[in-house]
PDB file of N, CA and C in Angstrom:
ATOM      1  N   UNK A   1       0.847  -1.184   0.000  1.00  0.00           N
ATOM      2  CA  UNK A   1       0.000   0.000   0.000  1.00  0.00           C
ATOM      3  C   UNK A   1       0.888   1.241   0.000  1.00  0.00           C
ATOM      4  N   UNK A   2       0.343   2.318  -0.495  1.00  0.00           N
ATOM      5  CA  UNK A   2       1.129   3.543  -0.571  1.00  0.00           C
ATOM      6  C   UNK A   2       0.389   4.700   0.088  1.00  0.00           C
ATOM      7  N   UNK A   3       0.186   4.658   1.362  1.00  0.00           N
ATOM      8  CA  UNK A   3      -0.411   5.773   2.081  1.00  0.00           C
ATOM      9  C   UNK A   3       0.665   6.512   2.841  1.00  0.00           C
ATOM     10  N   UNK A   4       0.302   7.635   3.408  1.00  0.00           N
ATOM     11  CA  UNK A   4       1.278   8.358   4.216  1.00  0.00           C
ATOM     12  C   UNK A   4       0.739   8.631   5.615  1.00  0.00           C
ATOM     13  N   UNK A   5      -0.420   8.064   5.941  1.00  0.00           N
ATOM     14  CA  UNK A   5      -1.014   8.304   7.254  1.00  0.00           C
ATOM     15  C   UNK A   5      -0.511   7.324   8.301  1.00  0.00           C
ATOM     16  N   UNK A   6       0.213   6.300   7.890  1.00  0.00           N
ATOM     17  CA  UNK A   6       0.687   5.300   8.834  1.00  0.00           C
ATOM     18  C   UNK A   6       1.813   5.815   9.703  1.00  0.00           C
ATOM     19  N   UNK A   7       1.950   5.216  10.862  1.00  0.00           N
ATOM     20  CA  UNK A   7       3.044   5.556  11.767  1.00  0.00           C
ATOM     21  C   UNK A   7       3.313   4.368  12.673  1.00  0.00           C
ATOM     22  N   UNK A   8       4.433   4.432  13.382  1.00  0.00           N
ATOM     23  CA  UNK A   8       4.868   3.358  14.272  1.00  0.00           C
ATOM     24  C   UNK A   8       4.967   3.882  15.696  1.00  0.00           C
ATOM     25  N   UNK A   9       4.416   3.118  16.639  1.00  0.00           N
ATOM     26  CA  UNK A   9       4.512   3.484  18.048  1.00  0.00           C
ATOM     27  C   UNK A   9       4.855   2.246  18.875  1.00  0.00           C
ATOM     28  N   UNK A  10       5.198   2.486  20.126  1.00  0.00           N
ATOM     29  CA  UNK A  10       5.489   1.394  21.056  1.00  0.00           C
ATOM     30  C   UNK A  10       5.055   1.806  22.454  1.00  0.00           C
ATOM     31  N   UNK A  11       5.019   0.832  23.337  1.00  0.00           N
ATOM     32  CA  UNK A  11       4.625   1.048  24.730  1.00  0.00           C
ATOM     33  C   UNK A  11       5.294  -0.057  25.520  1.00  0.00           C
ATOM     34  N   UNK A  12       5.934   0.270  26.638  1.00  0.00           N
ATOM     35  CA  UNK A  12       6.613  -0.740  27.439  1.00  0.00           C
ATOM     36  C   UNK A  12       6.009  -0.765  28.838  1.00  0.00           C
ATOM     37  N   UNK A  13       5.586  -1.950  29.260  1.00  0.00           N
ATOM     38  CA  UNK A  13       5.040  -2.133  30.599  1.00  0.00           C
ATOM     39  C   UNK A  13       5.950  -3.052  31.396  1.00  0.00           C
ATOM     40  N   UNK A  14       6.208  -2.678  32.625  1.00  0.00           N
ATOM     41  CA  UNK A  14       7.043  -3.448  33.545  1.00  0.00           C
ATOM     42  C   UNK A  14       6.123  -4.387  34.317  1.00  0.00           C
ATOM     43  N   UNK A  15       6.078  -5.652  33.929  1.00  0.00           N
ATOM     44  CA  UNK A  15       5.189  -6.627  34.561  1.00  0.00           C
ATOM     45  C   UNK A  15       5.652  -6.986  35.968  1.00  0.00           C
ATOM     46  N   UNK A  16       6.941  -6.852  36.251  1.00  0.00           N
ATOM     47  CA  UNK A  16       7.469  -7.190  37.575  1.00  0.00           C
ATOM     48  C   UNK A  16       6.984  -6.190  38.630  1.00  0.00           C
ATOM     49  N   UNK A  17       6.856  -4.927  38.235  1.00  0.00           N
ATOM     50  CA  UNK A  17       6.434  -3.891  39.180  1.00  0.00           C
ATOM     51  C   UNK A  17       5.002  -3.425  38.944  1.00  0.00           C
ATOM     52  N   UNK A  18       4.396  -3.858  37.844  1.00  0.00           N
ATOM     53  CA  UNK A  18       3.018  -3.477  37.553  1.00  0.00           C
ATOM     54  C   UNK A  18       2.853  -2.013  37.210  1.00  0.00           C
ATOM     55  N   UNK A  19       3.783  -1.492  36.374  1.00  0.00           N
ATOM     56  CA  UNK A  19       3.713  -0.076  36.011  1.00  0.00           C
ATOM     57  C   UNK A  19       4.365   0.136  34.642  1.00  0.00           C
ATOM     58  N   UNK A  20       4.175   1.323  34.062  1.00  0.00           N
ATOM     59  CA  UNK A  20       4.878   1.641  32.819  1.00  0.00           C
ATOM     60  C   UNK A  20       6.387   1.637  33.040  1.00  0.00           C
ATOM     61  N   UNK A  21       7.125   1.273  32.014  1.00  0.00           N
ATOM     62  CA  UNK A  21       8.598   1.242  32.083  1.00  0.00           C
ATOM     63  C   UNK A  21       9.135   2.592  31.623  1.00  0.00           C
ATOM     64  N   UNK A  22       9.251   3.518  32.554  1.00  0.00           N
ATOM     65  CA  UNK A  22       9.732   4.867  32.255  1.00  0.00           C
ATOM     66  C   UNK A  22      11.251   4.883  32.176  1.00  0.00           C
ATOM     67  N   UNK A  23      11.773   5.627  31.204  1.00  0.00           N
ATOM     68  CA  UNK A  23      13.216   5.816  31.085  1.00  0.00           C
ATOM     69  C   UNK A  23      13.949   4.716  30.343  1.00  0.00           C
ATOM     70  N   UNK A  24      13.238   3.891  29.591  1.00  0.00           N
ATOM     71  CA  UNK A  24      13.910   2.835  28.820  1.00  0.00           C
ATOM     72  C   UNK A  24      14.327   3.367  27.450  1.00  0.00           C
ATOM     73  N   UNK A  25      15.577   3.138  27.098  1.00  0.00           N
ATOM     74  CA  UNK A  25      16.068   3.507  25.766  1.00  0.00           C
ATOM     75  C   UNK A  25      15.613   2.461  24.762  1.00  0.00           C
ATOM     76  N   UNK A  26      15.183   2.956  23.602  1.00  0.00           N
ATOM     77  CA  UNK A  26      14.743   2.101  22.501  1.00  0.00           C
ATOM     78  C   UNK A  26      15.424   2.602  21.235  1.00  0.00           C
ATOM     79  N   UNK A  27      16.065   1.693  20.515  1.00  0.00           N
ATOM     80  CA  UNK A  27      16.692   2.034  19.233  1.00  0.00           C
ATOM     81  C   UNK A  27      15.879   1.410  18.107  1.00  0.00           C
ATOM     82  N   UNK A  28      15.669   2.161  17.045  1.00  0.00           N
ATOM     83  CA  UNK A  28      14.998   1.647  15.853  1.00  0.00           C
ATOM     84  C   UNK A  28      16.018   1.530  14.732  1.00  0.00           C
ATOM     85  N   UNK A  29      16.069   0.350  14.131  1.00  0.00           N
ATOM     86  CA  UNK A  29      16.957   0.089  12.999  1.00  0.00           C
ATOM     87  C   UNK A  29      16.119  -0.274  11.785  1.00  0.00           C
ATOM     88  N   UNK A  30      16.601   0.107  10.624  1.00  0.00           N
ATOM     89  CA  UNK A  30      16.030  -0.360   9.352  1.00  0.00           C
ATOM     90  C   UNK A  30      16.950  -1.459   8.855  1.00  0.00           C
ATOM     91  N   UNK A  31      16.356  -2.571   8.452  1.00  0.00           N
ATOM     92  CA  UNK A  31      17.109  -3.742   8.008  1.00  0.00           C
ATOM     93  C   UNK A  31      17.043  -3.818   6.484  1.00  0.00           C
ATOM     94  N   UNK A  32      18.200  -3.920   5.866  1.00  0.00           N
ATOM     95  CA  UNK A  32      18.274  -4.098   4.414  1.00  0.00           C
ATOM     96  C   UNK A  32      19.290  -5.176   4.137  1.00  0.00           C
ATOM     97  N   UNK A  33      18.791  -6.352   3.758  1.00  0.00           N
ATOM     98  CA  UNK A  33      19.681  -7.490   3.551  1.00  0.00           C
ATOM     99  C   UNK A  33      20.335  -7.890   4.856  1.00  0.00           C
ATOM    100  N   UNK A  34      21.646  -7.905   4.862  1.00  0.00           N
ATOM    101  CA  UNK A  34      22.392  -8.262   6.066  1.00  0.00           C
ATOM    102  C   UNK A  34      22.821  -7.044   6.876  1.00  0.00           C
ATOM    103  N   UNK A  35      22.489  -5.851   6.400  1.00  0.00           N
ATOM    104  CA  UNK A  35      22.916  -4.652   7.123  1.00  0.00           C
ATOM    105  C   UNK A  35      21.760  -4.047   7.917  1.00  0.00           C
ATOM    106  N   UNK A  36      22.141  -3.308   8.933  1.00  0.00           N
ATOM    107  CA  UNK A  36      21.165  -2.689   9.823  1.00  0.00           C
ATOM    108  C   UNK A  36      21.642  -1.261  10.073  1.00  0.00           C
ATOM    109  N   UNK A  37      20.741  -0.307   9.833  1.00  0.00           N
ATOM    110  CA  UNK A  37      21.085   1.115   9.987  1.00  0.00           C
ATOM    111  C   UNK A  37      20.212   1.742  11.065  1.00  0.00           C
ATOM    112  N   UNK A  38      20.852   2.429  12.012  1.00  0.00           N
ATOM    113  CA  UNK A  38      20.118   3.098  13.075  1.00  0.00           C
ATOM    114  C   UNK A  38      19.302   4.246  12.483  1.00  0.00           C
ATOM    115  N   UNK A  39      18.005   4.247  12.767  1.00  0.00           N
ATOM    116  CA  UNK A  39      17.111   5.313  12.310  1.00  0.00           C
ATOM    117  C   UNK A  39      16.981   6.379  13.391  1.00  0.00           C
ATOM    118  N   UNK A  40      16.733   5.937  14.632  1.00  0.00           N
ATOM    119  CA  UNK A  40      16.638   6.871  15.757  1.00  0.00           C
ATOM    120  C   UNK A  40      16.650   6.129  17.077  1.00  0.00           C
ATOM    121  N   UNK A  41      16.971   6.876  18.116  1.00  0.00           N
ATOM    122  CA  UNK A  41      16.917   6.375  19.485  1.00  0.00           C
ATOM    123  C   UNK A  41      15.932   7.245  20.254  1.00  0.00           C
ATOM    124  N   UNK A  42      15.131   6.597  21.085  1.00  0.00           N
ATOM    125  CA  UNK A  42      14.121   7.304  21.878  1.00  0.00           C
ATOM    126  C   UNK A  42      14.157   6.761  23.295  1.00  0.00           C
ATOM    127  N   UNK A  43      13.515   7.459  24.209  1.00  0.00           N
ATOM    128  CA  UNK A  43      13.412   7.019  25.593  1.00  0.00           C
ATOM    129  C   UNK A  43      11.951   7.095  26.008  1.00  0.00           C
ATOM    130  N   UNK A  44      11.503   6.085  26.751  1.00  0.00           N
ATOM    131  CA  UNK A  44      10.112   6.082  27.190  1.00  0.00           C
ATOM    132  C   UNK A  44       9.877   7.124  28.275  1.00  0.00           C
ATOM    133  N   UNK A  45       8.675   7.664  28.274  1.00  0.00           N
ATOM    134  CA  UNK A  45       8.287   8.665  29.265  1.00  0.00           C
ATOM    135  C   UNK A  45       7.630   7.980  30.471  1.00  0.00           C
ATOM    136  N   UNK A  46       7.017   8.749  31.349  1.00  0.00           N
ATOM    137  CA  UNK A  46       6.431   8.204  32.578  1.00  0.00           C
ATOM    138  C   UNK A  46       5.273   7.250  32.312  1.00  0.00           C
ATOM    139  N   UNK A  47       4.724   7.283  31.106  1.00  0.00           N
ATOM    140  CA  UNK A  47       3.637   6.374  30.729  1.00  0.00           C
ATOM    141  C   UNK A  47       4.164   5.140  29.990  1.00  0.00           C
ATOM    142  N   UNK A  48       5.501   5.010  29.861  1.00  0.00           N
ATOM    143  CA  UNK A  48       6.081   3.880  29.147  1.00  0.00           C
ATOM    144  C   UNK A  48       6.006   4.016  27.634  1.00  0.00           C
ATOM    145  N   UNK A  49       5.652   5.185  27.161  1.00  0.00           N
ATOM    146  CA  UNK A  49       5.545   5.462  25.723  1.00  0.00           C
ATOM    147  C   UNK A  49       6.621   6.475  25.339  1.00  0.00           C
ATOM    148  N   UNK A  50       6.847   6.622  24.055  1.00  0.00           N
ATOM    149  CA  UNK A  50       7.756   7.666  23.590  1.00  0.00           C
ATOM    150  C   UNK A  50       6.939   8.946  23.391  1.00  0.00           C
ATOM    151  N   UNK A  51       7.580  10.096  23.564  1.00  0.00           N
ATOM    152  CA  UNK A  51       6.865  11.369  23.454  1.00  0.00           C
ATOM    153  C   UNK A  51       6.341  11.634  22.048  1.00  0.00           C
ATOM    154  N   UNK A  52       6.982  11.051  21.057  1.00  0.00           N
ATOM    155  CA  UNK A  52       6.533  11.177  19.679  1.00  0.00           C
ATOM    156  C   UNK A  52       6.538   9.776  19.066  1.00  0.00           C
ATOM    157  N   UNK A  53       5.839   9.594  17.950  1.00  0.00           N
ATOM    158  CA  UNK A  53       5.864   8.269  17.319  1.00  0.00           C
ATOM    159  C   UNK A  53       7.293   7.824  17.000  1.00  0.00           C
ATOM    160  N   UNK A  54       7.529   6.545  17.049  1.00  0.00           N
ATOM    161  CA  UNK A  54       8.848   6.008  16.693  1.00  0.00           C
ATOM    162  C   UNK A  54       9.137   6.357  15.236  1.00  0.00           C
ATOM    163  N   UNK A  55       8.162   6.173  14.375  1.00  0.00           N
ATOM    164  CA  UNK A  55       8.197   6.659  12.988  1.00  0.00           C
ATOM    165  C   UNK A  55       6.931   7.483  12.781  1.00  0.00           C
ATOM    166  N   UNK A  56       7.052   8.802  12.628  1.00  0.00           N
ATOM    167  CA  UNK A  56       5.874   9.652  12.447  1.00  0.00           C
ATOM    168  C   UNK A  56       5.221   9.474  11.074  1.00  0.00           C
ATOM    169  N   UNK A  57       4.016  10.003  10.960  1.00  0.00           N
ATOM    170  CA  UNK A  57       3.308   9.999   9.674  1.00  0.00           C
ATOM    171  C   UNK A  57       4.189  10.639   8.619  1.00  0.00           C
ATOM    172  N   UNK A  58       4.235  10.043   7.445  1.00  0.00           N
ATOM    173  CA  UNK A  58       5.030  10.568   6.343  1.00  0.00           C
ATOM    174  C   UNK A  58       6.492  10.170   6.389  1.00  0.00           C
ATOM    175  N   UNK A  59       6.931   9.511   7.464  1.00  0.00           N
ATOM    176  CA  UNK A  59       8.330   9.109   7.599  1.00  0.00           C
ATOM    177  C   UNK A  59       8.468   7.601   7.781  1.00  0.00           C
ATOM    178  N   UNK A  60       7.490   6.848   7.292  1.00  0.00           N
ATOM    179  CA  UNK A  60       7.490   5.407   7.507  1.00  0.00           C
ATOM    180  C   UNK A  60       7.494   4.658   6.174  1.00  0.00           C
ATOM    181  N   UNK A  61       8.659   4.415   5.614  1.00  0.00           N
ATOM    182  CA  UNK A  61       8.705   3.615   4.395  1.00  0.00           C
ATOM    183  C   UNK A  61       8.469   2.138   4.709  1.00  0.00           C
ATOM    184  N   UNK A  62       7.925   1.425   3.739  1.00  0.00           N
ATOM    185  CA  UNK A  62       7.745  -0.021   3.896  1.00  0.00           C
ATOM    186  C   UNK A  62       9.111  -0.678   4.033  1.00  0.00           C
ATOM    187  N   UNK A  63       9.140  -1.794   4.721  1.00  0.00           N
ATOM    188  CA  UNK A  63      10.394  -2.512   4.876  1.00  0.00           C
ATOM    189  C   UNK A  63      10.464  -3.289   6.168  1.00  0.00           C
ATOM    190  N   UNK A  64      11.644  -3.763   6.465  1.00  0.00           N
ATOM    191  CA  UNK A  64      11.886  -4.553   7.668  1.00  0.00           C
ATOM    192  C   UNK A  64      12.610  -3.666   8.686  1.00  0.00           C
ATOM    193  N   UNK A  65      12.153  -3.723   9.922  1.00  0.00           N
ATOM    194  CA  UNK A  65      12.687  -2.900  11.000  1.00  0.00           C
ATOM    195  C   UNK A  65      12.997  -3.765  12.217  1.00  0.00           C
ATOM    196  N   UNK A  66      13.770  -3.187  13.114  1.00  0.00           N
ATOM    197  CA  UNK A  66      14.058  -3.853  14.375  1.00  0.00           C
ATOM    198  C   UNK A  66      14.040  -2.807  15.482  1.00  0.00           C
ATOM    199  N   UNK A  67      13.229  -3.051  16.487  1.00  0.00           N
ATOM    200  CA  UNK A  67      13.255  -2.253  17.702  1.00  0.00           C
ATOM    201  C   UNK A  67      14.136  -2.990  18.698  1.00  0.00           C
ATOM    202  N   UNK A  68      15.073  -2.291  19.307  1.00  0.00           N
ATOM    203  CA  UNK A  68      15.926  -2.885  20.337  1.00  0.00           C
ATOM    204  C   UNK A  68      15.620  -2.168  21.644  1.00  0.00           C
ATOM    205  N   UNK A  69      15.058  -2.918  22.576  1.00  0.00           N
ATOM    206  CA  UNK A  69      14.694  -2.407  23.888  1.00  0.00           C
ATOM    207  C   UNK A  69      15.849  -2.680  24.847  1.00  0.00           C
ATOM    208  N   UNK A  70      16.366  -1.646  25.495  1.00  0.00           N
ATOM    209  CA  UNK A  70      17.500  -1.780  26.408  1.00  0.00           C
ATOM    210  C   UNK A  70      16.977  -2.125  27.808  1.00  0.00           C
ATOM    211  N   UNK A  71      16.524  -3.357  27.920  1.00  0.00           N
ATOM    212  CA  UNK A  71      15.859  -3.834  29.133  1.00  0.00           C
ATOM    213  C   UNK A  71      16.804  -3.939  30.317  1.00  0.00           C
ATOM    214  N   UNK A  72      18.025  -4.417  30.112  1.00  0.00           N
ATOM    215  CA  UNK A  72      18.974  -4.576  31.204  1.00  0.00           C
ATOM    216  C   UNK A  72      19.282  -3.259  31.889  1.00  0.00           C
ATOM    217  N   UNK A  73      19.541  -2.220  31.105  1.00  0.00           N
ATOM    218  CA  UNK A  73      19.811  -0.897  31.672  1.00  0.00           C
ATOM    219  C   UNK A  73      18.590  -0.392  32.446  1.00  0.00           C
ATOM    220  N   UNK A  74      17.401  -0.613  31.877  1.00  0.00           N
ATOM    221  CA  UNK A  74      16.172  -0.191  32.560  1.00  0.00           C
ATOM    222  C   UNK A  74      16.008  -0.932  33.890  1.00  0.00           C
ATOM    223  N   UNK A  75      16.165  -2.248  33.872  1.00  0.00           N
ATOM    224  CA  UNK A  75      15.998  -3.044  35.092  1.00  0.00           C
ATOM    225  C   UNK A  75      17.019  -2.640  36.155  1.00  0.00           C
ATOM    226  N   UNK A  76      18.257  -2.398  35.737  1.00  0.00           N
ATOM    227  CA  UNK A  76      19.279  -1.931  36.681  1.00  0.00           C
ATOM    228  C   UNK A  76      18.853  -0.599  37.307  1.00  0.00           C
ATOM    229  N   UNK A  77      18.423   0.332  36.466  1.00  0.00           N
ATOM    230  CA  UNK A  77      18.013   1.649  36.944  1.00  0.00           C
ATOM    231  C   UNK A  77      16.786   1.610  37.837  1.00  0.00           C
ATOM    232  N   UNK A  78      15.923   0.612  37.615  1.00  0.00           N
ATOM    233  CA  UNK A  78      14.715   0.467  38.430  1.00  0.00           C
ATOM    234  C   UNK A  78      15.003  -0.262  39.737  1.00  0.00           C
ATOM    235  N   UNK A  79      16.252  -0.714  39.906  1.00  0.00           N
ATOM    236  CA  UNK A  79      16.619  -1.405  41.134  1.00  0.00           C
ATOM    237  C   UNK A  79      16.108  -2.829  41.212  1.00  0.00           C
ATOM    238  N   UNK A  80      15.822  -3.423  40.073  1.00  0.00           N
ATOM    239  CA  UNK A  80      15.329  -4.797  40.042  1.00  0.00           C
ATOM    240  C   UNK A  80      16.527  -5.724  39.984  1.00  0.00           C
ATOM    241  N   UNK A  81      16.712  -6.484  41.042  1.00  0.00           N
ATOM    242  CA  UNK A  81      17.876  -7.368  41.150  1.00  0.00           C
ATOM    243  C   UNK A  81      17.860  -8.409  40.038  1.00  0.00           C
ATOM    244  N   UNK A  82      19.044  -8.793  39.636  1.00  0.00           N
ATOM    245  CA  UNK A  82      19.181  -9.811  38.604  1.00  0.00           C
ATOM    246  C   UNK A  82      20.584 -10.363  38.581  1.00  0.00           C
ATOM    247  N   UNK A  83      20.741 -11.422  37.830  1.00  0.00           N
ATOM    248  CA  UNK A  83      22.048 -12.047  37.679  1.00  0.00           C
ATOM    249  C   UNK A  83      22.966 -11.128  36.881  1.00  0.00           C
ATOM    250  N   UNK A  84      24.254 -11.429  36.945  1.00  0.00           N
ATOM    251  CA  UNK A  84      25.206 -10.712  36.112  1.00  0.00           C
ATOM    252  C   UNK A  84      25.994 -11.737  35.307  1.00  0.00           C
ATOM    253  N   UNK A  85      25.878 -11.765  34.012  1.00  0.00           N
ATOM    254  CA  UNK A  85      25.057 -10.855  33.209  1.00  0.00           C
ATOM    255  C   UNK A  85      23.568 -11.174  33.341  1.00  0.00           C
ATOM    256  N   UNK A  86      22.761 -10.185  33.044  1.00  0.00           N
ATOM    257  CA  UNK A  86      21.307 -10.361  33.091  1.00  0.00           C
ATOM    258  C   UNK A  86      20.860 -11.370  32.049  1.00  0.00           C
ATOM    259  N   UNK A  87      19.792 -12.097  32.386  1.00  0.00           N
ATOM    260  CA  UNK A  87      19.194 -13.034  31.440  1.00  0.00           C
ATOM    261  C   UNK A  87      18.677 -12.275  30.217  1.00  0.00           C
ATOM    262  N   UNK A  88      17.991 -11.168  30.440  1.00  0.00           N
ATOM    263  CA  UNK A  88      17.527 -10.307  29.348  1.00  0.00           C
ATOM    264  C   UNK A  88      18.262  -8.976  29.450  1.00  0.00           C
ATOM    265  N   UNK A  89      18.973  -8.625  28.404  1.00  0.00           N
ATOM    266  CA  UNK A  89      19.689  -7.364  28.388  1.00  0.00           C
ATOM    267  C   UNK A  89      19.089  -6.470  27.306  1.00  0.00           C
ATOM    268  N   UNK A  90      19.400  -6.760  26.062  1.00  0.00           N
ATOM    269  CA  UNK A  90      18.802  -6.048  24.938  1.00  0.00           C
ATOM    270  C   UNK A  90      17.830  -6.995  24.252  1.00  0.00           C
ATOM    271  N   UNK A  91      16.615  -6.493  24.018  1.00  0.00           N
ATOM    272  CA  UNK A  91      15.563  -7.313  23.406  1.00  0.00           C
ATOM    273  C   UNK A  91      15.298  -6.777  21.999  1.00  0.00           C
ATOM    274  N   UNK A  92      15.716  -7.529  20.963  1.00  0.00           N
ATOM    275  CA  UNK A  92      15.427  -7.099  19.588  1.00  0.00           C
ATOM    276  C   UNK A  92      14.110  -7.704  19.109  1.00  0.00           C
ATOM    277  N   UNK A  93      13.285  -6.889  18.501  1.00  0.00           N
ATOM    278  CA  UNK A  93      12.044  -7.364  17.892  1.00  0.00           C
ATOM    279  C   UNK A  93      12.071  -6.917  16.436  1.00  0.00           C
ATOM    280  N   UNK A  94      12.166  -7.886  15.537  1.00  0.00           N
ATOM    281  CA  UNK A  94      12.229  -7.609  14.100  1.00  0.00           C
ATOM    282  C   UNK A  94      10.845  -7.823  13.500  1.00  0.00           C
ATOM    283  N   UNK A  95      10.411  -6.880  12.678  1.00  0.00           N
ATOM    284  CA  UNK A  95       9.062  -6.927  12.117  1.00  0.00           C
ATOM    285  C   UNK A  95       9.048  -6.217  10.770  1.00  0.00           C
ATOM    286  N   UNK A  96       8.002  -6.436  10.012  1.00  0.00           N
ATOM    287  CA  UNK A  96       7.857  -5.813   8.707  1.00  0.00           C
ATOM    288  C   UNK A  96       6.718  -4.821   8.678  1.00  0.00           C
ATOM    289  N   UNK A  97       6.900  -3.769   7.898  1.00  0.00           N
ATOM    290  CA  UNK A  97       5.859  -2.776   7.649  1.00  0.00           C
ATOM    291  C   UNK A  97       5.537  -2.834   6.169  1.00  0.00           C
ATOM    292  N   UNK A  98       4.286  -3.163   5.859  1.00  0.00           N
ATOM    293  CA  UNK A  98       3.866  -3.300   4.472  1.00  0.00           C
ATOM    294  C   UNK A  98       2.845  -2.244   4.064  1.00  0.00           C
ATOM    295  N   UNK A  99       1.932  -1.914   4.953  1.00  0.00           N
ATOM    296  CA  UNK A  99       0.835  -1.003   4.635  1.00  0.00           C
ATOM    297  C   UNK A  99       1.129   0.376   5.232  1.00  0.00           C
ATOM    298  N   UNK A 100       1.448   1.329   4.412  1.00  0.00           N
ATOM    299  CA  UNK A 100       1.850   2.656   4.879  1.00  0.00           C
ATOM    300  C   UNK A 100       0.677   3.537   5.299  1.00  0.00           C
ATOM    301  N   UNK A 101      -0.520   3.007   5.220  1.00  0.00           N
ATOM    302  CA  UNK A 101      -1.692   3.801   5.585  1.00  0.00           C
ATOM    303  C   UNK A 101      -2.221   3.473   6.974  1.00  0.00           C
ATOM    304  N   UNK A 102      -1.566   2.555   7.686  1.00  0.00           N
ATOM    305  CA  UNK A 102      -2.085   2.142   8.993  1.00  0.00           C
ATOM    306  C   UNK A 102      -1.084   2.405  10.112  1.00  0.00           C
ATOM    307  N   UNK A 103      -1.587   2.325  11.320  1.00  0.00           N
ATOM    308  CA  UNK A 103      -0.782   2.486  12.528  1.00  0.00           C
ATOM    309  C   UNK A 103      -0.232   1.123  12.927  1.00  0.00           C
ATOM    310  N   UNK A 104       1.078   1.019  13.040  1.00  0.00           N
ATOM    311  CA  UNK A 104       1.735  -0.181  13.566  1.00  0.00           C
ATOM    312  C   UNK A 104       2.123   0.128  15.006  1.00  0.00           C
ATOM    313  N   UNK A 105       1.747  -0.755  15.910  1.00  0.00           N
ATOM    314  CA  UNK A 105       2.060  -0.576  17.332  1.00  0.00           C
ATOM    315  C   UNK A 105       2.734  -1.849  17.823  1.00  0.00           C
ATOM    316  N   UNK A 106       3.941  -1.710  18.378  1.00  0.00           N
ATOM    317  CA  UNK A 106       4.716  -2.859  18.848  1.00  0.00           C
ATOM    318  C   UNK A 106       4.969  -2.685  20.343  1.00  0.00           C
ATOM    319  N   UNK A 107       4.067  -3.206  21.190  1.00  0.00           N
ATOM    320  CA  UNK A 107       4.250  -3.076  22.631  1.00  0.00           C
ATOM    321  C   UNK A 107       5.161  -4.167  23.186  1.00  0.00           C
ATOM    322  N   UNK A 108       5.720  -3.893  24.358  1.00  0.00           N
ATOM    323  CA  UNK A 108       6.567  -4.869  25.043  1.00  0.00           C
ATOM    324  C   UNK A 108       6.098  -4.973  26.485  1.00  0.00           C
ATOM    325  N   UNK A 109       5.842  -6.195  26.933  1.00  0.00           N
ATOM    326  CA  UNK A 109       5.531  -6.491  28.322  1.00  0.00           C
ATOM    327  C   UNK A 109       6.759  -7.181  28.884  1.00  0.00           C
ATOM    328  N   UNK A 110       7.392  -6.582  29.890  1.00  0.00           N
ATOM    329  CA  UNK A 110       8.712  -6.997  30.343  1.00  0.00           C
ATOM    330  C   UNK A 110       8.727  -7.450  31.792  1.00  0.00           C
ATOM    331  N   UNK A 111       9.481  -8.503  32.062  1.00  0.00           N
ATOM    332  CA  UNK A 111       9.880  -8.880  33.415  1.00  0.00           C
ATOM    333  C   UNK A 111      11.346  -9.297  33.321  1.00  0.00           C
ATOM    334  N   UNK A 112      12.037  -9.493  34.424  1.00  0.00           N
ATOM    335  CA  UNK A 112      13.468  -9.812  34.343  1.00  0.00           C
ATOM    336  C   UNK A 112      13.797 -11.105  33.595  1.00  0.00           C
ATOM    337  N   UNK A 113      12.832 -12.027  33.503  1.00  0.00           N
ATOM    338  CA  UNK A 113      13.119 -13.320  32.879  1.00  0.00           C
ATOM    339  C   UNK A 113      12.185 -13.671  31.723  1.00  0.00           C
ATOM    340  N   UNK A 114      11.362 -12.731  31.295  1.00  0.00           N
ATOM    341  CA  UNK A 114      10.490 -13.012  30.149  1.00  0.00           C
ATOM    342  C   UNK A 114       9.989 -11.705  29.549  1.00  0.00           C
ATOM    343  N   UNK A 115       9.490 -11.813  28.334  1.00  0.00           N
ATOM    344  CA  UNK A 115       8.843 -10.679  27.686  1.00  0.00           C
ATOM    345  C   UNK A 115       7.849 -11.217  26.669  1.00  0.00           C
ATOM    346  N   UNK A 116       6.915 -10.371  26.289  1.00  0.00           N
ATOM    347  CA  UNK A 116       5.985 -10.723  25.218  1.00  0.00           C
ATOM    348  C   UNK A 116       5.702  -9.470  24.404  1.00  0.00           C
ATOM    349  N   UNK A 117       5.267  -9.699  23.184  1.00  0.00           N
ATOM    350  CA  UNK A 117       4.927  -8.609  22.287  1.00  0.00           C
ATOM    351  C   UNK A 117       3.835  -9.090  21.354  1.00  0.00           C
ATOM    352  N   UNK A 118       3.252  -8.187  20.610  1.00  0.00           N
ATOM    353  CA  UNK A 118       2.208  -8.495  19.640  1.00  0.00           C
ATOM    354  C   UNK A 118       2.031  -7.267  18.769  1.00  0.00           C
ATOM    355  N   UNK A 119       1.267  -7.405  17.706  1.00  0.00           N
ATOM    356  CA  UNK A 119       0.941  -6.215  16.910  1.00  0.00           C
ATOM    357  C   UNK A 119      -0.303  -5.586  17.507  1.00  0.00           C
ATOM    358  N   UNK A 120      -0.115  -4.467  18.136  1.00  0.00           N
ATOM    359  CA  UNK A 120      -1.226  -3.783  18.798  1.00  0.00           C
ATOM    360  C   UNK A 120      -1.903  -2.808  17.878  1.00  0.00           C
ATOM    361  N   UNK A 121      -2.768  -2.012  18.467  1.00  0.00           N
ATOM    362  CA  UNK A 121      -3.501  -1.020  17.684  1.00  0.00           C
ATOM    363  C   UNK A 121      -3.416   0.345  18.335  1.00  0.00           C
TER     364      UNK A 121
END
């Protein structure tokens, strides 16, 4: 599809503490073949969301992307004890964007030893 109204967002929830994961760094990469190029880095706000879309309207080309959630740094900063090295440190989620007219939402539900994601709305 060739629309320009689509955008990408994310939301991180800390399942261990039952609250939004504030202050987590998230990197977005565009994947082309075997190479990966950093598009932008963002940090979650007090609601566990980024202050602006990860990819705003008009800036979301179709393709393969990877969000890297810096979970280990977040868990350390939140004072959540864990092994060294942590079981979960950086969490990469690779996904495709095909329809440029829709909202893609990639949430992360995090605990020190597990995570889940899905295509949200």
